[in-house]
């Protein structure tokens, strides 16, 4: 018995992105994470440690700005596998403005050191 319906065959779809339907959209995020070098891994670890340490100090607008920049850096590294030079420069600026914080928190010193400060 023959039908007029199209025949569709799907093989291996590993690491593929596709959408079906008249309003379907497909967005691929394959290969965007997990491809970090050792220096970026160290920076990510230090960023996370500093963010944790910031929760233990009395916050102000400077610590809030630093935490926001650290969160953005963590997100960027997680999504893309690296922190863009502009993101690193912003962290350098914020850490430079928070010199007193650097004297208190060893994790801030670790991040600053990994940023070449």
N, C-alpha and C. Protein backbone atom coordinates (compact mmCIF):
# COMPACT_ATOMS: atom_id res chain seq x y z
N UNK A 1 0.83 -1.16 0.00
CA UNK A 1 0.00 0.00 0.00
C UNK A 1 0.89 1.24 0.00
N UNK A 2 0.80 2.08 -0.99
CA UNK A 2 1.63 3.28 -1.12
C UNK A 2 0.92 4.47 -0.49
N UNK A 3 1.74 5.34 0.12
CA UNK A 3 1.18 6.58 0.69
C UNK A 3 1.87 7.76 0.04
N UNK A 4 1.26 8.91 0.14
CA UNK A 4 1.83 10.14 -0.41
C UNK A 4 2.64 10.91 0.62
N UNK A 5 2.82 10.33 1.78
CA UNK A 5 3.55 11.01 2.83
C UNK A 5 5.05 10.91 2.56
N UNK A 6 5.79 11.99 2.91
CA UNK A 6 7.24 11.93 2.70
C UNK A 6 7.88 10.93 3.66
N UNK A 7 8.98 10.40 3.21
CA UNK A 7 9.73 9.45 4.01
C UNK A 7 10.91 10.19 4.62
N UNK A 8 11.02 10.17 5.93
CA UNK A 8 12.11 10.84 6.62
C UNK A 8 12.91 9.80 7.38
N UNK A 9 14.22 9.90 7.24
CA UNK A 9 15.11 9.00 7.95
C UNK A 9 16.15 9.84 8.67
N UNK A 10 16.30 9.62 9.97
CA UNK A 10 17.28 10.37 10.75
C UNK A 10 18.31 9.40 11.27
N UNK A 11 19.54 9.67 10.94
CA UNK A 11 20.64 8.83 11.41
C UNK A 11 21.16 9.35 12.73
N UNK A 12 22.45 9.29 12.91
CA UNK A 12 23.10 9.77 14.12
C UNK A 12 23.02 11.29 14.17
N UNK A 13 22.43 11.84 15.24
CA UNK A 13 22.29 13.29 15.37
C UNK A 13 23.16 13.85 16.49
N UNK A 14 24.14 13.07 16.91
CA UNK A 14 25.04 13.55 17.95
C UNK A 14 25.72 14.84 17.50
N UNK A 15 25.79 15.79 18.40
CA UNK A 15 26.44 17.08 18.16
C UNK A 15 25.79 17.84 17.00
N UNK A 16 24.49 17.63 16.82
CA UNK A 16 23.75 18.30 15.75
C UNK A 16 22.69 19.20 16.36
N UNK A 17 22.28 20.18 15.60
CA UNK A 17 21.21 21.06 16.02
C UNK A 17 20.23 21.17 14.88
N UNK A 18 18.98 20.90 15.17
CA UNK A 18 17.97 21.02 14.13
C UNK A 18 16.63 21.33 14.78
N UNK A 19 15.72 21.85 13.98
CA UNK A 19 14.38 22.17 14.46
C UNK A 19 13.38 21.71 13.42
N UNK A 20 12.20 21.32 13.89
CA UNK A 20 11.17 20.83 13.00
C UNK A 20 9.90 21.63 13.25
N UNK A 21 9.23 22.01 12.20
CA UNK A 21 7.97 22.72 12.33
C UNK A 21 8.05 24.11 11.75
N UNK A 22 6.89 24.70 11.51
CA UNK A 22 6.84 25.98 10.82
C UNK A 22 7.40 27.14 11.64
N UNK A 23 7.37 27.05 12.96
CA UNK A 23 7.88 28.14 13.81
C UNK A 23 9.06 27.70 14.67
N UNK A 24 9.67 26.61 14.30
CA UNK A 24 10.76 26.06 15.10
C UNK A 24 12.04 26.86 14.90
N UNK A 25 12.82 26.94 15.96
CA UNK A 25 14.14 27.58 15.92
C UNK A 25 15.13 26.64 16.57
N UNK A 26 16.33 26.65 16.08
CA UNK A 26 17.38 25.83 16.66
C UNK A 26 18.58 26.73 16.97
N UNK A 27 19.10 26.58 18.17
CA UNK A 27 20.28 27.33 18.59
C UNK A 27 21.30 26.31 19.07
N UNK A 28 22.50 26.41 18.56
CA UNK A 28 23.54 25.46 18.93
C UNK A 28 24.51 26.08 19.92
N UNK A 29 24.83 25.32 20.95
CA UNK A 29 25.85 25.71 21.91
C UNK A 29 26.92 24.64 22.01
N UNK A 30 26.99 23.78 21.00
CA UNK A 30 27.96 22.69 21.01
C UNK A 30 29.37 23.23 20.91
N UNK A 31 30.25 22.66 21.71
CA UNK A 31 31.66 23.01 21.62
C UNK A 31 32.01 24.36 22.22
N UNK A 32 31.07 24.96 22.98
CA UNK A 32 31.37 26.28 23.53
C UNK A 32 31.97 26.21 24.92
N UNK A 33 31.85 25.09 25.59
CA UNK A 33 32.43 25.01 26.92
C UNK A 33 33.36 23.80 26.99
N UNK A 34 34.17 23.78 28.01
CA UNK A 34 35.05 22.65 28.20
C UNK A 34 36.33 22.72 27.40
N UNK A 35 36.53 23.77 26.64
CA UNK A 35 37.74 23.89 25.83
C UNK A 35 38.61 25.02 26.38
N UNK A 36 38.96 24.89 27.65
CA UNK A 36 39.74 25.94 28.32
C UNK A 36 41.17 25.46 28.52
N UNK A 37 42.10 26.41 28.39
CA UNK A 37 43.48 26.07 28.68
C UNK A 37 43.71 26.13 30.19
N UNK A 38 44.89 25.72 30.61
CA UNK A 38 45.19 25.65 32.04
C UNK A 38 45.12 27.01 32.72
N UNK A 39 45.61 28.05 32.05
CA UNK A 39 45.58 29.39 32.64
C UNK A 39 44.14 29.87 32.84
N UNK A 40 43.27 29.57 31.88
CA UNK A 40 41.87 29.97 32.01
C UNK A 40 41.18 29.18 33.11
N UNK A 41 41.53 27.90 33.24
CA UNK A 41 40.99 27.09 34.33
C UNK A 41 41.38 27.68 35.68
N UNK A 42 42.64 28.10 35.80
CA UNK A 42 43.11 28.71 37.05
C UNK A 42 42.37 30.01 37.32
N UNK A 43 42.18 30.82 36.28
CA UNK A 43 41.46 32.08 36.44
C UNK A 43 40.03 31.81 36.87
N UNK A 44 39.37 30.85 36.27
CA UNK A 44 37.99 30.53 36.63
C UNK A 44 37.91 30.10 38.10
N UNK A 45 38.84 29.27 38.52
CA UNK A 45 38.85 28.82 39.92
C UNK A 45 39.06 30.01 40.86
N UNK A 46 39.99 30.89 40.52
CA UNK A 46 40.26 32.06 41.37
C UNK A 46 39.07 33.01 41.39
N UNK A 47 38.41 33.19 40.26
CA UNK A 47 37.23 34.05 40.19
C UNK A 47 36.14 33.50 41.11
N UNK A 48 35.92 32.20 41.06
CA UNK A 48 34.91 31.59 41.92
C UNK A 48 35.25 31.73 43.39
N UNK A 49 36.53 31.56 43.74
CA UNK A 49 36.95 31.71 45.13
C UNK A 49 36.77 33.14 45.61
N UNK A 50 37.11 34.11 44.76
CA UNK A 50 36.94 35.51 45.14
C UNK A 50 35.47 35.84 45.32
N UNK A 51 34.62 35.35 44.44
CA UNK A 51 33.18 35.60 44.60
C UNK A 51 32.69 35.04 45.92
N UNK A 52 33.16 33.86 46.30
CA UNK A 52 32.76 33.26 47.58
C UNK A 52 33.26 34.12 48.73
N UNK A 53 34.50 34.61 48.62
CA UNK A 53 35.07 35.45 49.68
C UNK A 53 34.32 36.77 49.80
N UNK A 54 33.85 37.31 48.70
CA UNK A 54 33.13 38.59 48.75
C UNK A 54 31.86 38.49 49.57
N UNK A 55 31.29 37.31 49.67
CA UNK A 55 30.07 37.16 50.48
C UNK A 55 30.37 37.30 51.96
N UNK A 56 31.65 37.23 52.34
CA UNK A 56 32.04 37.29 53.74
C UNK A 56 32.51 38.67 54.19
N UNK A 57 32.48 39.64 53.30
CA UNK A 57 32.88 41.00 53.68
C UNK A 57 31.68 41.93 53.59
N UNK A 58 31.79 43.05 54.28
CA UNK A 58 30.73 44.05 54.22
C UNK A 58 30.73 44.66 52.82
N UNK A 59 29.63 44.53 52.15
CA UNK A 59 29.54 44.99 50.77
C UNK A 59 29.30 46.48 50.64
N UNK A 60 29.78 47.03 49.56
CA UNK A 60 29.49 48.40 49.18
C UNK A 60 29.39 48.43 47.66
N UNK A 61 29.31 49.61 47.08
CA UNK A 61 29.15 49.70 45.62
C UNK A 61 30.36 49.13 44.88
N UNK A 62 31.55 49.25 45.47
CA UNK A 62 32.74 48.69 44.81
C UNK A 62 32.74 47.17 44.81
N UNK A 63 32.38 46.57 45.96
CA UNK A 63 32.34 45.12 46.01
C UNK A 63 31.20 44.58 45.14
N UNK A 64 30.10 45.32 45.05
CA UNK A 64 28.98 44.90 44.19
C UNK A 64 29.41 44.94 42.72
N UNK A 65 30.13 45.99 42.33
CA UNK A 65 30.61 46.09 40.94
C UNK A 65 31.62 44.98 40.65
N UNK A 66 32.49 44.70 41.61
CA UNK A 66 33.47 43.63 41.44
C UNK A 66 32.78 42.28 41.31
N UNK A 67 31.80 42.02 42.19
CA UNK A 67 31.08 40.75 42.12
C UNK A 67 30.36 40.60 40.79
N UNK A 68 29.76 41.67 40.30
CA UNK A 68 29.07 41.63 39.01
C UNK A 68 30.04 41.30 37.88
N UNK A 69 31.19 41.95 37.88
CA UNK A 69 32.20 41.69 36.85
C UNK A 69 32.74 40.26 36.95
N UNK A 70 32.91 39.77 38.17
CA UNK A 70 33.37 38.40 38.37
C UNK A 70 32.33 37.41 37.86
N UNK A 71 31.05 37.68 38.13
CA UNK A 71 29.98 36.81 37.65
C UNK A 71 29.95 36.78 36.13
N UNK A 72 30.12 37.93 35.51
CA UNK A 72 30.14 38.01 34.05
C UNK A 72 31.34 37.25 33.49
N UNK A 73 32.48 37.36 34.17
CA UNK A 73 33.68 36.65 33.73
C UNK A 73 33.47 35.14 33.84
N UNK A 74 32.93 34.71 34.97
CA UNK A 74 32.65 33.28 35.17
C UNK A 74 31.71 32.77 34.08
N UNK A 75 30.66 33.53 33.80
CA UNK A 75 29.71 33.13 32.76
C UNK A 75 30.38 33.05 31.39
N UNK A 76 31.19 34.06 31.07
CA UNK A 76 31.85 34.07 29.77
C UNK A 76 32.81 32.89 29.60
N UNK A 77 33.58 32.60 30.64
CA UNK A 77 34.50 31.47 30.57
C UNK A 77 33.72 30.17 30.43
N UNK A 78 32.64 30.03 31.17
CA UNK A 78 31.84 28.82 31.12
C UNK A 78 31.21 28.64 29.73
N UNK A 79 30.75 29.73 29.14
CA UNK A 79 30.09 29.65 27.83
C UNK A 79 31.06 29.49 26.68
N UNK A 80 32.16 30.26 26.72
CA UNK A 80 33.03 30.34 25.54
C UNK A 80 34.38 29.66 25.73
N UNK A 81 34.76 29.37 26.97
CA UNK A 81 36.05 28.76 27.21
C UNK A 81 37.17 29.75 27.44
N UNK A 82 36.83 31.06 27.46
CA UNK A 82 37.86 32.08 27.70
C UNK A 82 37.22 33.37 28.18
N UNK A 83 38.03 34.24 28.72
CA UNK A 83 37.60 35.58 29.10
C UNK A 83 38.24 36.55 28.12
N UNK A 84 37.43 37.35 27.49
CA UNK A 84 37.92 38.30 26.48
C UNK A 84 38.88 39.30 27.12
N UNK A 85 39.81 39.84 26.35
CA UNK A 85 40.73 40.84 26.88
C UNK A 85 40.02 42.03 27.54
N UNK A 86 38.91 42.46 26.98
CA UNK A 86 38.18 43.59 27.57
C UNK A 86 37.61 43.20 28.94
N UNK A 87 37.18 41.97 29.09
CA UNK A 87 36.66 41.50 30.37
C UNK A 87 37.78 41.44 31.40
N UNK A 88 38.95 40.96 30.99
CA UNK A 88 40.11 40.90 31.89
C UNK A 88 40.55 42.31 32.31
N UNK A 89 40.53 43.23 31.37
CA UNK A 89 40.92 44.61 31.68
C UNK A 89 39.95 45.23 32.68
N UNK A 90 38.66 44.97 32.53
CA UNK A 90 37.67 45.49 33.47
C UNK A 90 37.93 44.95 34.87
N UNK A 91 38.26 43.68 34.98
CA UNK A 91 38.58 43.12 36.29
C UNK A 91 39.83 43.78 36.88
N UNK A 92 40.84 44.01 36.04
CA UNK A 92 42.06 44.69 36.51
C UNK A 92 41.72 46.05 37.10
N UNK A 93 40.87 46.80 36.39
CA UNK A 93 40.47 48.13 36.87
C UNK A 93 39.76 48.03 38.22
N UNK A 94 38.80 47.13 38.32
CA UNK A 94 38.04 47.00 39.56
C UNK A 94 38.91 46.53 40.72
N UNK A 95 39.83 45.60 40.43
CA UNK A 95 40.72 45.15 41.49
C UNK A 95 41.69 46.25 41.90
N UNK A 96 42.13 47.06 40.96
CA UNK A 96 43.00 48.19 41.27
C UNK A 96 42.29 49.21 42.14
N UNK A 97 41.00 49.42 41.87
CA UNK A 97 40.20 50.34 42.67
C UNK A 97 39.90 49.79 44.05
N UNK A 98 40.06 48.51 44.23
CA UNK A 98 39.76 47.85 45.50
C UNK A 98 41.04 47.42 46.20
N UNK A 99 42.04 48.29 46.21
CA UNK A 99 43.34 47.93 46.78
C UNK A 99 43.23 47.47 48.23
N UNK A 100 42.36 48.11 49.01
CA UNK A 100 42.19 47.68 50.40
C UNK A 100 41.65 46.26 50.46
N UNK A 101 40.77 45.93 49.54
CA UNK A 101 40.22 44.58 49.49
C UNK A 101 41.32 43.57 49.14
N UNK A 102 42.23 43.96 48.27
CA UNK A 102 43.34 43.07 47.90
C UNK A 102 44.19 42.74 49.11
N UNK A 103 44.34 43.69 50.02
CA UNK A 103 45.15 43.45 51.21
C UNK A 103 44.47 42.48 52.17
N UNK A 104 43.14 42.37 52.10
CA UNK A 104 42.39 41.53 53.02
C UNK A 104 42.16 40.13 52.47
N UNK A 105 41.83 40.05 51.20
CA UNK A 105 41.43 38.77 50.64
C UNK A 105 42.54 38.16 49.78
N UNK A 106 43.01 37.01 50.17
CA UNK A 106 44.05 36.32 49.39
C UNK A 106 43.52 35.94 48.01
N UNK A 107 42.24 35.63 47.91
CA UNK A 107 41.68 35.23 46.62
C UNK A 107 41.69 36.38 45.63
N UNK A 108 41.55 37.60 46.12
CA UNK A 108 41.64 38.76 45.21
C UNK A 108 43.06 38.87 44.68
N UNK A 109 44.03 38.58 45.53
CA UNK A 109 45.42 38.59 45.09
C UNK A 109 45.68 37.52 44.05
N UNK A 110 45.06 36.36 44.21
CA UNK A 110 45.24 35.28 43.24
C UNK A 110 44.67 35.67 41.88
N UNK A 111 43.48 36.26 41.88
CA UNK A 111 42.88 36.71 40.62
C UNK A 111 43.74 37.81 40.01
N UNK A 112 44.17 38.76 40.82
CA UNK A 112 45.02 39.85 40.32
C UNK A 112 46.31 39.30 39.73
N UNK A 113 46.90 38.33 40.39
CA UNK A 113 48.12 37.74 39.88
C UNK A 113 47.92 37.05 38.53
N UNK A 114 46.81 36.37 38.39
CA UNK A 114 46.52 35.68 37.13
C UNK A 114 46.17 36.66 36.02
N UNK A 115 45.81 37.89 36.40
CA UNK A 115 45.53 38.93 35.42
C UNK A 115 46.76 39.76 35.10
N UNK A 116 47.90 39.40 35.70
CA UNK A 116 49.14 40.09 35.43
C UNK A 116 49.33 41.38 36.18
N UNK A 117 48.68 41.51 37.33
CA UNK A 117 48.82 42.74 38.12
C UNK A 117 49.99 42.62 39.06
